[in-house]
């Protein structure tokens, strides 16, 4: 069995992990949920957007939350679906959200905590789940902030090439995070005030409104992270562009200098009789070398006068 049933005071919370067809058949038989909503909760199905839909006797909602992969430092997305009725809450997920797993574990072991959550209405356990999952966003934001600070140090240490992969990874994490959190504020507000108001009592609505403020706080931090990574990317690109220009300038000066010596060597290699200077001079080789050194010195003095050399 891939689901757990918690009961107290005539209320129940059914948590389904990695829903299979047998689980959907159980939910369909027990609660008569809409088939399209049940199909959306399959473990192999991943919703592309958040959703809330109210029916006669229950409210169906889809939430997505960020999670952090410690191995590669990447943010990924996990989905959790809720069926909220007057006497029950059904949660469906893949079991990859640590905070949710902690709540389930505590409710299994601690009867007092379960009674606290399932005391007056199932919306209280829904609030606890959403609050804990939103709180779990802040440690991920802290990791991104630490990555940004570390990236800043790498850039100003002159390791521009090494920082490119880190910039792309952090930008991807922020984009993923923003995509997940973008609709949370509206979904939670609708859950408490409009779509789900029939299923959430007056005592809980202020608490759900506090979750809206929490989503705003998360979004503001994401905005700051987005601005910081964009600024660091611009800085990194500017430094790399400056260094590239310095290299091109050096190569150009070197090429111009070599061209002068190549031209001189080509002229004296023609061996034209009658007009070629130094042709019969026993020191012609050293004279030509002296001319080349003079040209090099003259070019370097000219570059310095133009302030192309530092």
C-alpha atoms as a PDB file:
ATOM      1  CA  UNK A   1       0.000   0.000   0.000  1.00  0.00           C
ATOM      2  CA  UNK A   2       1.466   3.367  -1.047  1.00  0.00           C
ATOM      3  CA  UNK A   3      -0.800   5.522   1.107  1.00  0.00           C
ATOM      4  CA  UNK A   4      -1.251   6.282   4.805  1.00  0.00           C
ATOM      5  CA  UNK A   5      -4.525   7.135   6.513  1.00  0.00           C
ATOM      6  CA  UNK A   6      -4.552   9.379   9.573  1.00  0.00           C
ATOM      7  CA  UNK A   7      -7.807   9.817  11.512  1.00  0.00           C
ATOM      8  CA  UNK A   8      -8.935  11.964  14.421  1.00  0.00           C
ATOM      9  CA  UNK A   9     -12.212  13.433  15.637  1.00  0.00           C
ATOM     10  CA  UNK A  10     -14.145  12.323  12.545  1.00  0.00           C
ATOM     11  CA  UNK A  11     -11.552  13.862  10.208  1.00  0.00           C
ATOM     12  CA  UNK A  12      -9.000  12.068   8.075  1.00  0.00           C
ATOM     13  CA  UNK A  13      -5.859  12.802   6.118  1.00  0.00           C
ATOM     14  CA  UNK A  14      -4.854  10.376   3.394  1.00  0.00           C
ATOM     15  CA  UNK A  15      -1.320  10.757   2.114  1.00  0.00           C
ATOM     16  CA  UNK A  16      -0.506   8.990  -1.162  1.00  0.00           C
ATOM     17  CA  UNK A  17       3.095   8.581  -2.237  1.00  0.00           C
ATOM     18  CA  UNK A  18       3.955   7.825  -5.892  1.00  0.00           C
ATOM     19  CA  UNK A  19       0.351   7.251  -6.898  1.00  0.00           C
ATOM     20  CA  UNK A  20      -0.388   4.223  -9.054  1.00  0.00           C
ATOM     21  CA  UNK A  21      -3.572   3.145 -10.801  1.00  0.00           C
ATOM     22  CA  UNK A  22      -4.617   1.072  -7.795  1.00  0.00           C
ATOM     23  CA  UNK A  23      -4.364   4.162  -5.589  1.00  0.00           C
ATOM     24  CA  UNK A  24      -6.470   6.166  -8.012  1.00  0.00           C
ATOM     25  CA  UNK A  25      -9.081   3.419  -8.059  1.00  0.00           C
ATOM     26  CA  UNK A  26      -9.179   3.528  -4.246  1.00  0.00           C
ATOM     27  CA  UNK A  27      -9.638   7.324  -4.247  1.00  0.00           C
ATOM     28  CA  UNK A  28     -12.252   7.159  -6.979  1.00  0.00           C
ATOM     29  CA  UNK A  29     -14.214   4.532  -5.100  1.00  0.00           C
ATOM     30  CA  UNK A  30     -13.919   6.273  -1.730  1.00  0.00           C
ATOM     31  CA  UNK A  31     -14.477   9.930  -2.688  1.00  0.00           C
ATOM     32  CA  UNK A  32     -15.729   9.888  -6.287  1.00  0.00           C
ATOM     33  CA  UNK A  33     -13.141  12.435  -7.439  1.00  0.00           C
ATOM     34  CA  UNK A  34     -13.115  13.657 -11.035  1.00  0.00           C
ATOM     35  CA  UNK A  35     -11.210  11.225 -13.239  1.00  0.00           C
ATOM     36  CA  UNK A  36      -9.190  13.987 -14.948  1.00  0.00           C
ATOM     37  CA  UNK A  37      -7.995  15.228 -11.540  1.00  0.00           C
ATOM     38  CA  UNK A  38      -7.017  11.735 -10.486  1.00  0.00           C
ATOM     39  CA  UNK A  39      -5.066  11.212 -13.687  1.00  0.00           C
ATOM     40  CA  UNK A  40      -3.185  14.450 -12.996  1.00  0.00           C
ATOM     41  CA  UNK A  41      -1.905  12.923  -9.744  1.00  0.00           C
ATOM     42  CA  UNK A  42      -0.198   9.884 -11.275  1.00  0.00           C
ATOM     43  CA  UNK A  43       3.483   9.568 -10.357  1.00  0.00           C
ATOM     44  CA  UNK A  44       4.419   9.603 -14.052  1.00  0.00           C
ATOM     45  CA  UNK A  45       2.498  12.833 -14.763  1.00  0.00           C
ATOM     46  CA  UNK A  46       3.989  16.256 -14.085  1.00  0.00           C
ATOM     47  CA  UNK A  47       1.833  19.394 -14.228  1.00  0.00           C
ATOM     48  CA  UNK A  48       3.251  22.390 -16.076  1.00  0.00           C
ATOM     49  CA  UNK A  49       1.316  24.943 -14.046  1.00  0.00           C
ATOM     50  CA  UNK A  50      -0.355  25.410 -10.704  1.00  0.00           C
ATOM     51  CA  UNK A  51      -4.073  24.857 -10.555  1.00  0.00           C
ATOM     52  CA  UNK A  52      -7.066  25.182  -8.258  1.00  0.00           C
ATOM     53  CA  UNK A  53     -10.555  23.938  -9.068  1.00  0.00           C
ATOM     54  CA  UNK A  54     -13.608  23.860  -6.838  1.00  0.00           C
ATOM     55  CA  UNK A  55     -16.273  21.189  -7.191  1.00  0.00           C
ATOM     56  CA  UNK A  56     -19.438  20.607  -5.207  1.00  0.00           C
ATOM     57  CA  UNK A  57     -17.960  18.637  -2.336  1.00  0.00           C
ATOM     58  CA  UNK A  58     -14.190  19.134  -2.658  1.00  0.00           C
ATOM     59  CA  UNK A  59     -11.485  21.484  -3.902  1.00  0.00           C
ATOM     60  CA  UNK A  60      -8.629  20.186  -6.063  1.00  0.00           C
ATOM     61  CA  UNK A  61      -5.315  22.058  -6.208  1.00  0.00           C
ATOM     62  CA  UNK A  62      -1.871  21.479  -7.711  1.00  0.00           C
ATOM     63  CA  UNK A  63       1.198  22.979  -6.064  1.00  0.00           C
ATOM     64  CA  UNK A  64       4.846  22.839  -7.104  1.00  0.00           C
ATOM     65  CA  UNK A  65       7.764  23.426  -4.763  1.00  0.00           C
ATOM     66  CA  UNK A  66      11.523  23.646  -5.315  1.00  0.00           C
ATOM     67  CA  UNK A  67      13.921  21.050  -3.945  1.00  0.00           C
ATOM     68  CA  UNK A  68      17.711  21.029  -3.871  1.00  0.00           C
ATOM     69  CA  UNK A  69      20.034  18.321  -5.152  1.00  0.00           C
ATOM     70  CA  UNK A  70      23.084  18.330  -2.885  1.00  0.00           C
ATOM     71  CA  UNK A  71      25.151  16.279  -5.340  1.00  0.00           C
ATOM     72  CA  UNK A  72      25.129  18.691  -8.279  1.00  0.00           C
ATOM     73  CA  UNK A  73      23.822  21.864  -6.617  1.00  0.00           C
ATOM     74  CA  UNK A  74      20.776  22.024  -8.897  1.00  0.00           C
ATOM     75  CA  UNK A  75      17.254  23.137  -8.016  1.00  0.00           C
ATOM     76  CA  UNK A  76      14.531  20.826  -9.263  1.00  0.00           C
ATOM     77  CA  UNK A  77      10.747  20.874  -9.030  1.00  0.00           C
ATOM     78  CA  UNK A  78       8.448  18.598  -7.068  1.00  0.00           C
ATOM     79  CA  UNK A  79       4.675  18.521  -7.334  1.00  0.00           C
ATOM     80  CA  UNK A  80       2.100  17.925  -4.630  1.00  0.00           C
ATOM     81  CA  UNK A  81      -1.644  17.693  -5.262  1.00  0.00           C
ATOM     82  CA  UNK A  82      -4.444  18.180  -2.720  1.00  0.00           C
ATOM     83  CA  UNK A  83      -8.072  17.106  -2.562  1.00  0.00           C
ATOM     84  CA  UNK A  84      -9.660  19.135   0.240  1.00  0.00           C
ATOM     85  CA  UNK A  85     -13.116  18.355   1.575  1.00  0.00           C
ATOM     86  CA  UNK A  86     -15.044  19.316   4.710  1.00  0.00           C
ATOM     87  CA  UNK A  87     -13.979  16.157   6.532  1.00  0.00           C
ATOM     88  CA  UNK A  88     -10.835  15.039   4.725  1.00  0.00           C
ATOM     89  CA  UNK A  89      -7.587  16.004   3.030  1.00  0.00           C
ATOM     90  CA  UNK A  90      -5.911  13.844   0.400  1.00  0.00           C
ATOM     91  CA  UNK A  91      -2.320  14.699  -0.516  1.00  0.00           C
ATOM     92  CA  UNK A  92      -0.550  13.076  -3.471  1.00  0.00           C
ATOM     93  CA  UNK A  93       3.185  13.419  -4.141  1.00  0.00           C
ATOM     94  CA  UNK A  94       6.350  11.513  -5.099  1.00  0.00           C
ATOM     95  CA  UNK A  95       7.974  11.615  -1.671  1.00  0.00           C
ATOM     96  CA  UNK A  96      10.909  13.877  -2.581  1.00  0.00           C
ATOM     97  CA  UNK A  97      10.014  16.824  -0.350  1.00  0.00           C
ATOM     98  CA  UNK A  98      11.883  16.398   2.974  1.00  0.00           C
ATOM     99  CA  UNK A  99       9.646  18.749   4.974  1.00  0.00           C
ATOM    100  CA  UNK A 100       6.520  16.858   3.944  1.00  0.00           C
ATOM    101  CA  UNK A 101       8.147  13.544   4.804  1.00  0.00           C
ATOM    102  CA  UNK A 102       8.999  14.957   8.245  1.00  0.00           C
ATOM    103  CA  UNK A 103       5.366  15.899   8.882  1.00  0.00           C
ATOM    104  CA  UNK A 104       4.217  12.428   7.872  1.00  0.00           C
ATOM    105  CA  UNK A 105       6.835  10.793  10.084  1.00  0.00           C
ATOM    106  CA  UNK A 106       5.855  12.936  13.085  1.00  0.00           C
ATOM    107  CA  UNK A 107       2.165  12.192  12.635  1.00  0.00           C
ATOM    108  CA  UNK A 108       2.916   8.473  12.544  1.00  0.00           C
ATOM    109  CA  UNK A 109       4.865   8.577  15.813  1.00  0.00           C
ATOM    110  CA  UNK A 110       3.221  11.400  17.770  1.00  0.00           C
ATOM    111  CA  UNK A 111      -0.520  11.086  18.325  1.00  0.00           C
ATOM    112  CA  UNK A 112      -0.690  14.461  20.071  1.00  0.00           C
ATOM    113  CA  UNK A 113       0.680  16.268  17.021  1.00  0.00           C
ATOM    114  CA  UNK A 114      -1.768  14.443  14.757  1.00  0.00           C
ATOM    115  CA  UNK A 115      -4.677  15.457  17.006  1.00  0.00           C
ATOM    116  CA  UNK A 116      -3.441  19.040  16.922  1.00  0.00           C
ATOM    117  CA  UNK A 117      -3.475  19.052  13.126  1.00  0.00           C
ATOM    118  CA  UNK A 118      -6.746  17.152  12.729  1.00  0.00           C
ATOM    119  CA  UNK A 119      -8.759  18.831  15.438  1.00  0.00           C
ATOM    120  CA  UNK A 120     -11.461  21.006  13.905  1.00  0.00           C
ATOM    121  CA  UNK A 121     -10.973  20.831  10.129  1.00  0.00           C
ATOM    122  CA  UNK A 122      -8.613  19.191   7.592  1.00  0.00           C
ATOM    123  CA  UNK A 123      -7.583  22.636   6.379  1.00  0.00           C
ATOM    124  CA  UNK A 124      -5.294  22.869   9.407  1.00  0.00           C
ATOM    125  CA  UNK A 125      -3.063  20.045   8.164  1.00  0.00           C
ATOM    126  CA  UNK A 126      -3.120  21.642   4.702  1.00  0.00           C
ATOM    127  CA  UNK A 127      -1.936  24.900   6.241  1.00  0.00           C
ATOM    128  CA  UNK A 128       0.834  23.107   8.147  1.00  0.00           C
ATOM    129  CA  UNK A 129       2.044  21.350   4.984  1.00  0.00           C
ATOM    130  CA  UNK A 130       2.063  24.532   2.906  1.00  0.00           C
ATOM    131  CA  UNK A 131       3.756  26.516   5.678  1.00  0.00           C
ATOM    132  CA  UNK A 132       6.523  23.954   6.116  1.00  0.00           C
ATOM    133  CA  UNK A 133       7.079  23.651   2.371  1.00  0.00           C
ATOM    134  CA  UNK A 134       7.310  27.427   2.027  1.00  0.00           C
ATOM    135  CA  UNK A 135       9.737  27.547   4.944  1.00  0.00           C
ATOM    136  CA  UNK A 136      11.860  24.945   3.169  1.00  0.00           C
ATOM    137  CA  UNK A 137      12.340  27.454   0.339  1.00  0.00           C
ATOM    138  CA  UNK A 138      14.477  29.742   2.490  1.00  0.00           C
ATOM    139  CA  UNK A 139      17.397  27.315   3.019  1.00  0.00           C
ATOM    140  CA  UNK A 140      17.496  26.831  -0.760  1.00  0.00           C
ATOM    141  CA  UNK A 141      17.558  30.597  -1.205  1.00  0.00           C
ATOM    142  CA  UNK A 142      20.428  30.738   1.283  1.00  0.00           C
ATOM    143  CA  UNK A 143      22.349  28.157  -0.767  1.00  0.00           C
ATOM    144  CA  UNK A 144      21.837  30.237  -3.907  1.00  0.00           C
ATOM    145  CA  UNK A 145      22.981  33.342  -2.017  1.00  0.00           C
ATOM    146  CA  UNK A 146      26.113  31.523  -0.868  1.00  0.00           C
ATOM    147  CA  UNK A 147      26.777  30.390  -4.447  1.00  0.00           C
ATOM    148  CA  UNK A 148      26.459  33.996  -5.639  1.00  0.00           C
ATOM    149  CA  UNK A 149      28.896  35.256  -3.004  1.00  0.00           C
ATOM    150  CA  UNK A 150      31.364  32.500  -3.854  1.00  0.00           C
ATOM    151  CA  UNK A 151      30.982  33.272  -7.545  1.00  0.00           C
ATOM    152  CA  UNK A 152      31.759  36.945  -6.918  1.00  0.00           C
ATOM    153  CA  UNK A 153      35.043  35.997  -5.246  1.00  0.00           C
ATOM    154  CA  UNK A 154      35.977  33.694  -8.135  1.00  0.00           C
ATOM    155  CA  UNK A 155      35.305  36.404 -10.713  1.00  0.00           C
ATOM    156  CA  UNK A 156      37.427  39.021  -8.950  1.00  0.00           C
ATOM    157  CA  UNK A 157      40.227  36.500  -8.523  1.00  0.00           C
ATOM    158  CA  UNK A 158      40.551  36.510 -12.303  1.00  0.00           C
ATOM    159  CA  UNK A 159      39.039  33.050 -12.889  1.00  0.00           C
ATOM    160  CA  UNK A 160      36.578  34.102 -15.554  1.00  0.00           C
ATOM    161  CA  UNK A 161      36.635  30.856 -17.507  1.00  0.00           C
ATOM    162  CA  UNK A 162      35.992  28.767 -14.384  1.00  0.00           C
ATOM    163  CA  UNK A 163      33.052  30.969 -13.397  1.00  0.00           C
ATOM    164  CA  UNK A 164      31.066  30.494 -16.618  1.00  0.00           C
ATOM    165  CA  UNK A 165      29.639  27.107 -15.595  1.00  0.00           C
ATOM    166  CA  UNK A 166      28.766  28.438 -12.138  1.00  0.00           C
ATOM    167  CA  UNK A 167      26.965  31.426 -13.660  1.00  0.00           C
ATOM    168  CA  UNK A 168      24.884  29.171 -15.896  1.00  0.00           C
ATOM    169  CA  UNK A 169      24.047  26.811 -13.016  1.00  0.00           C
ATOM    170  CA  UNK A 170      22.993  29.616 -10.669  1.00  0.00           C
ATOM    171  CA  UNK A 171      20.944  31.321 -13.381  1.00  0.00           C
ATOM    172  CA  UNK A 172      19.175  28.053 -14.112  1.00  0.00           C
ATOM    173  CA  UNK A 173      18.436  27.552 -10.407  1.00  0.00           C
ATOM    174  CA  UNK A 174      16.954  31.032 -10.113  1.00  0.00           C
ATOM    175  CA  UNK A 175      14.870  30.614 -13.265  1.00  0.00           C
ATOM    176  CA  UNK A 176      13.556  27.257 -12.030  1.00  0.00           C
ATOM    177  CA  UNK A 177      12.784  28.715  -8.615  1.00  0.00           C
ATOM    178  CA  UNK A 178      10.980  31.718 -10.114  1.00  0.00           C
ATOM    179  CA  UNK A 179       8.941  29.523 -12.429  1.00  0.00           C
ATOM    180  CA  UNK A 180       7.808  27.441  -9.448  1.00  0.00           C
ATOM    181  CA  UNK A 181       6.937  30.357  -7.156  1.00  0.00           C
ATOM    182  CA  UNK A 182       5.385  32.695  -9.697  1.00  0.00           C
ATOM    183  CA  UNK A 183       1.764  31.596  -9.174  1.00  0.00           C
ATOM    184  CA  UNK A 184       1.859  30.580  -5.498  1.00  0.00           C
ATOM    185  CA  UNK A 185       0.565  33.888  -4.194  1.00  0.00           C
ATOM    186  CA  UNK A 186      -2.576  33.824  -6.329  1.00  0.00           C
ATOM    187  CA  UNK A 187      -3.272  30.126  -5.774  1.00  0.00           C
ATOM    188  CA  UNK A 188      -3.050  30.380  -1.974  1.00  0.00           C
ATOM    189  CA  UNK A 189      -5.169  33.543  -1.946  1.00  0.00           C
ATOM    190  CA  UNK A 190      -7.837  31.853  -4.054  1.00  0.00           C
ATOM    191  CA  UNK A 191      -7.676  28.767  -1.865  1.00  0.00           C
ATOM    192  CA  UNK A 192      -8.388  30.820   1.253  1.00  0.00           C
ATOM    193  CA  UNK A 193     -10.794  33.417  -0.119  1.00  0.00           C
ATOM    194  CA  UNK A 194     -12.505  32.188  -3.261  1.00  0.00           C
ATOM    195  CA  UNK A 195     -12.172  28.693  -4.636  1.00  0.00           C
ATOM    196  CA  UNK A 196     -11.575  26.967  -1.326  1.00  0.00           C
ATOM    197  CA  UNK A 197     -13.422  29.295   1.057  1.00  0.00           C
ATOM    198  CA  UNK A 198     -16.198  26.755   1.632  1.00  0.00           C
ATOM    199  CA  UNK A 199     -13.633  24.202   2.791  1.00  0.00           C
ATOM    200  CA  UNK A 200     -11.531  26.489   5.015  1.00  0.00           C
ATOM    201  CA  UNK A 201     -13.015  27.963   8.191  1.00  0.00           C
ATOM    202  CA  UNK A 202     -12.851  31.571   9.258  1.00  0.00           C
ATOM    203  CA  UNK A 203     -10.231  30.807  11.906  1.00  0.00           C
ATOM    204  CA  UNK A 204      -7.798  29.489   9.322  1.00  0.00           C
ATOM    205  CA  UNK A 205      -8.182  32.170   6.678  1.00  0.00           C
ATOM    206  CA  UNK A 206      -5.832  34.681   8.398  1.00  0.00           C
ATOM    207  CA  UNK A 207      -3.224  31.944   8.584  1.00  0.00           C
ATOM    208  CA  UNK A 208      -3.533  31.258   4.870  1.00  0.00           C
ATOM    209  CA  UNK A 209      -3.266  34.989   4.211  1.00  0.00           C
ATOM    210  CA  UNK A 210       0.031  34.937   6.144  1.00  0.00           C
ATOM    211  CA  UNK A 211       1.257  32.333   3.648  1.00  0.00           C
ATOM    212  CA  UNK A 212       0.572  34.827   0.869  1.00  0.00           C
ATOM    213  CA  UNK A 213       2.963  37.266   2.568  1.00  0.00           C
ATOM    214  CA  UNK A 214       5.550  34.504   2.851  1.00  0.00           C
ATOM    215  CA  UNK A 215       5.374  33.885  -0.890  1.00  0.00           C
ATOM    216  CA  UNK A 216       5.918  37.615  -1.452  1.00  0.00           C
ATOM    217  CA  UNK A 217       9.028  37.510   0.755  1.00  0.00           C
ATOM    218  CA  UNK A 218      10.384  34.576  -1.228  1.00  0.00           C
ATOM    219  CA  UNK A 219       9.697  36.378  -4.509  1.00  0.00           C
ATOM    220  CA  UNK A 220      11.517  39.521  -3.338  1.00  0.00           C
ATOM    221  CA  UNK A 221      14.594  37.481  -2.427  1.00  0.00           C
ATOM    222  CA  UNK A 222      14.458  35.795  -5.826  1.00  0.00           C
ATOM    223  CA  UNK A 223      14.313  39.197  -7.492  1.00  0.00           C
ATOM    224  CA  UNK A 224      17.437  40.267  -5.608  1.00  0.00           C
ATOM    225  CA  UNK A 225      19.222  37.055  -6.572  1.00  0.00           C
ATOM    226  CA  UNK A 226      18.220  37.565 -10.191  1.00  0.00           C
ATOM    227  CA  UNK A 227      19.630  41.100 -10.221  1.00  0.00           C
ATOM    228  CA  UNK A 228      22.851  39.964  -8.545  1.00  0.00           C
ATOM    229  CA  UNK A 229      23.553  37.121 -10.969  1.00  0.00           C
ATOM    230  CA  UNK A 230      22.798  39.372 -13.940  1.00  0.00           C
ATOM    231  CA  UNK A 231      25.228  41.980 -12.579  1.00  0.00           C
ATOM    232  CA  UNK A 232      27.921  39.359 -11.989  1.00  0.00           C
ATOM    233  CA  UNK A 233      27.419  37.934 -15.462  1.00  0.00           C
ATOM    234  CA  UNK A 234      27.812  41.409 -16.945  1.00  0.00           C
ATOM    235  CA  UNK A 235      30.952  41.972 -14.876  1.00  0.00           C
ATOM    236  CA  UNK A 236      32.409  38.631 -15.915  1.00  0.00           C
ATOM    237  CA  UNK A 237      31.652  39.321 -19.584  1.00  0.00           C
ATOM    238  CA  UNK A 238      33.219  42.782 -19.335  1.00  0.00           C
ATOM    239  CA  UNK A 239      36.411  41.436 -17.776  1.00  0.00           C
ATOM    240  CA  UNK A 240      36.664  38.683 -20.388  1.00  0.00           C
ATOM    241  CA  UNK A 241      36.037  41.212 -23.178  1.00  0.00           C
ATOM    242  CA  UNK A 242      38.709  43.526 -21.775  1.00  0.00           C
ATOM    243  CA  UNK A 243      41.245  40.708 -21.587  1.00  0.00           C
ATOM    244  CA  UNK A 244      40.388  39.586 -25.097  1.00  0.00           C
ATOM    245  CA  UNK A 245      40.901  43.120 -26.364  1.00  0.00           C
ATOM    246  CA  UNK A 246      44.260  43.315 -24.586  1.00  0.00           C
ATOM    247  CA  UNK A 247      45.354  40.062 -26.207  1.00  0.00           C
ATOM    248  CA  UNK A 248      44.221  41.216 -29.643  1.00  0.00           C
ATOM    249  CA  UNK A 249      46.015  44.541 -29.152  1.00  0.00           C
ATOM    250  CA  UNK A 250      49.246  42.764 -28.191  1.00  0.00           C
ATOM    251  CA  UNK A 251      49.020  40.405 -31.138  1.00  0.00           C
ATOM    252  CA  UNK A 252      48.272  43.299 -33.482  1.00  0.00           C
ATOM    253  CA  UNK A 253      51.337  45.267 -32.318  1.00  0.00           C
ATOM    254  CA  UNK A 254      53.455  42.142 -32.610  1.00  0.00           C
ATOM    255  CA  UNK A 255      52.132  41.484 -36.118  1.00  0.00           C
ATOM    256  CA  UNK A 256      52.753  45.062 -37.258  1.00  0.00           C
ATOM    257  CA  UNK A 257      56.326  44.934 -35.927  1.00  0.00           C
ATOM    258  CA  UNK A 258      57.061  41.575 -37.525  1.00  0.00           C
ATOM    259  CA  UNK A 259      55.599  42.803 -40.803  1.00  0.00           C
ATOM    260  CA  UNK A 260      58.183  45.591 -40.972  1.00  0.00           C
ATOM    261  CA  UNK A 261      61.060  43.154 -40.454  1.00  0.00           C
ATOM    262  CA  UNK A 262      59.553  40.668 -42.903  1.00  0.00           C
ATOM    263  CA  UNK A 263      59.289  43.406 -45.534  1.00  0.00           C
ATOM    264  CA  UNK A 264      62.920  44.427 -44.989  1.00  0.00           C
ATOM    265  CA  UNK A 265      64.121  40.831 -45.157  1.00  0.00           C
ATOM    266  CA  UNK A 266      62.134  40.229 -48.345  1.00  0.00           C
ATOM    267  CA  UNK A 267      63.599  43.302 -50.021  1.00  0.00           C
ATOM    268  CA  UNK A 268      67.185  42.283 -49.257  1.00  0.00           C
ATOM    269  CA  UNK A 269      66.547  38.735 -50.360  1.00  0.00           C
ATOM    270  CA  UNK A 270      65.807  39.838 -53.952  1.00  0.00           C
ATOM    271  CA  UNK A 271      69.565  40.182 -54.702  1.00  0.00           C
ATOM    272  CA  UNK A 272      68.971  42.890 -57.326  1.00  0.00           C
ATOM    273  CA  UNK A 273      72.275  43.960 -58.932  1.00  0.00           C
ATOM    274  CA  UNK A 274      73.241  47.583 -59.363  1.00  0.00           C
ATOM    275  CA  UNK A 275      70.946  49.302 -56.890  1.00  0.00           C
ATOM    276  CA  UNK A 276      70.763  47.145 -53.771  1.00  0.00           C
ATOM    277  CA  UNK A 277      72.542  48.907 -50.862  1.00  0.00           C
ATOM    278  CA  UNK A 278      74.970  46.994 -48.661  1.00  0.00           C
ATOM    279  CA  UNK A 279      75.024  44.133 -51.178  1.00  0.00           C
ATOM    280  CA  UNK A 280      78.811  44.037 -51.464  1.00  0.00           C
ATOM    281  CA  UNK A 281      79.526  45.259 -47.972  1.00  0.00           C
ATOM    282  CA  UNK A 282      81.272  42.600 -45.845  1.00  0.00           C
ATOM    283  CA  UNK A 283      79.105  43.643 -42.882  1.00  0.00           C
ATOM    284  CA  UNK A 284      75.792  43.622 -44.790  1.00  0.00           C
ATOM    285  CA  UNK A 285      74.204  40.999 -42.512  1.00  0.00           C
ATOM    286  CA  UNK A 286      74.874  43.015 -39.364  1.00  0.00           C
ATOM    287  CA  UNK A 287      73.755  46.211 -41.028  1.00  0.00           C
ATOM    288  CA  UNK A 288      70.405  44.625 -41.896  1.00  0.00           C
ATOM    289  CA  UNK A 289      70.055  43.241 -38.364  1.00  0.00           C
ATOM    290  CA  UNK A 290      70.764  46.734 -37.045  1.00  0.00           C
ATOM    291  CA  UNK A 291      68.060  48.185 -39.319  1.00  0.00           C
ATOM    292  CA  UNK A 292      65.568  45.610 -38.013  1.00  0.00           C
ATOM    293  CA  UNK A 293      66.428  46.445 -34.397  1.00  0.00           C
ATOM    294  CA  UNK A 294      66.063  50.130 -35.187  1.00  0.00           C
ATOM    295  CA  UNK A 295      62.624  49.497 -36.685  1.00  0.00           C
ATOM    296  CA  UNK A 296      61.584  47.478 -33.624  1.00  0.00           C
ATOM    297  CA  UNK A 297      62.779  50.214 -31.277  1.00  0.00           C
ATOM    298  CA  UNK A 298      61.012  52.877 -33.322  1.00  0.00           C
ATOM    299  CA  UNK A 299      57.754  50.902 -33.338  1.00  0.00           C
ATOM    300  CA  UNK A 300      57.918  50.329 -29.583  1.00  0.00           C
ATOM    301  CA  UNK A 301      58.570  54.041 -28.946  1.00  0.00           C
ATOM    302  CA  UNK A 302      55.625  54.922 -31.173  1.00  0.00           C
ATOM    303  CA  UNK A 303      53.333  52.432 -29.349  1.00  0.00           C
ATOM    304  CA  UNK A 304      54.385  53.896 -26.010  1.00  0.00           C
ATOM    305  CA  UNK A 305      53.759  57.446 -27.249  1.00  0.00           C
ATOM    306  CA  UNK A 306      50.252  56.398 -28.278  1.00  0.00           C
ATOM    307  CA  UNK A 307      49.887  54.840 -24.791  1.00  0.00           C
ATOM    308  CA  UNK A 308      49.219  51.396 -26.266  1.00  0.00           C
ATOM    309  CA  UNK A 309      51.947  49.935 -24.060  1.00  0.00           C
ATOM    310  CA  UNK A 310      51.656  49.981 -20.290  1.00  0.00           C
END
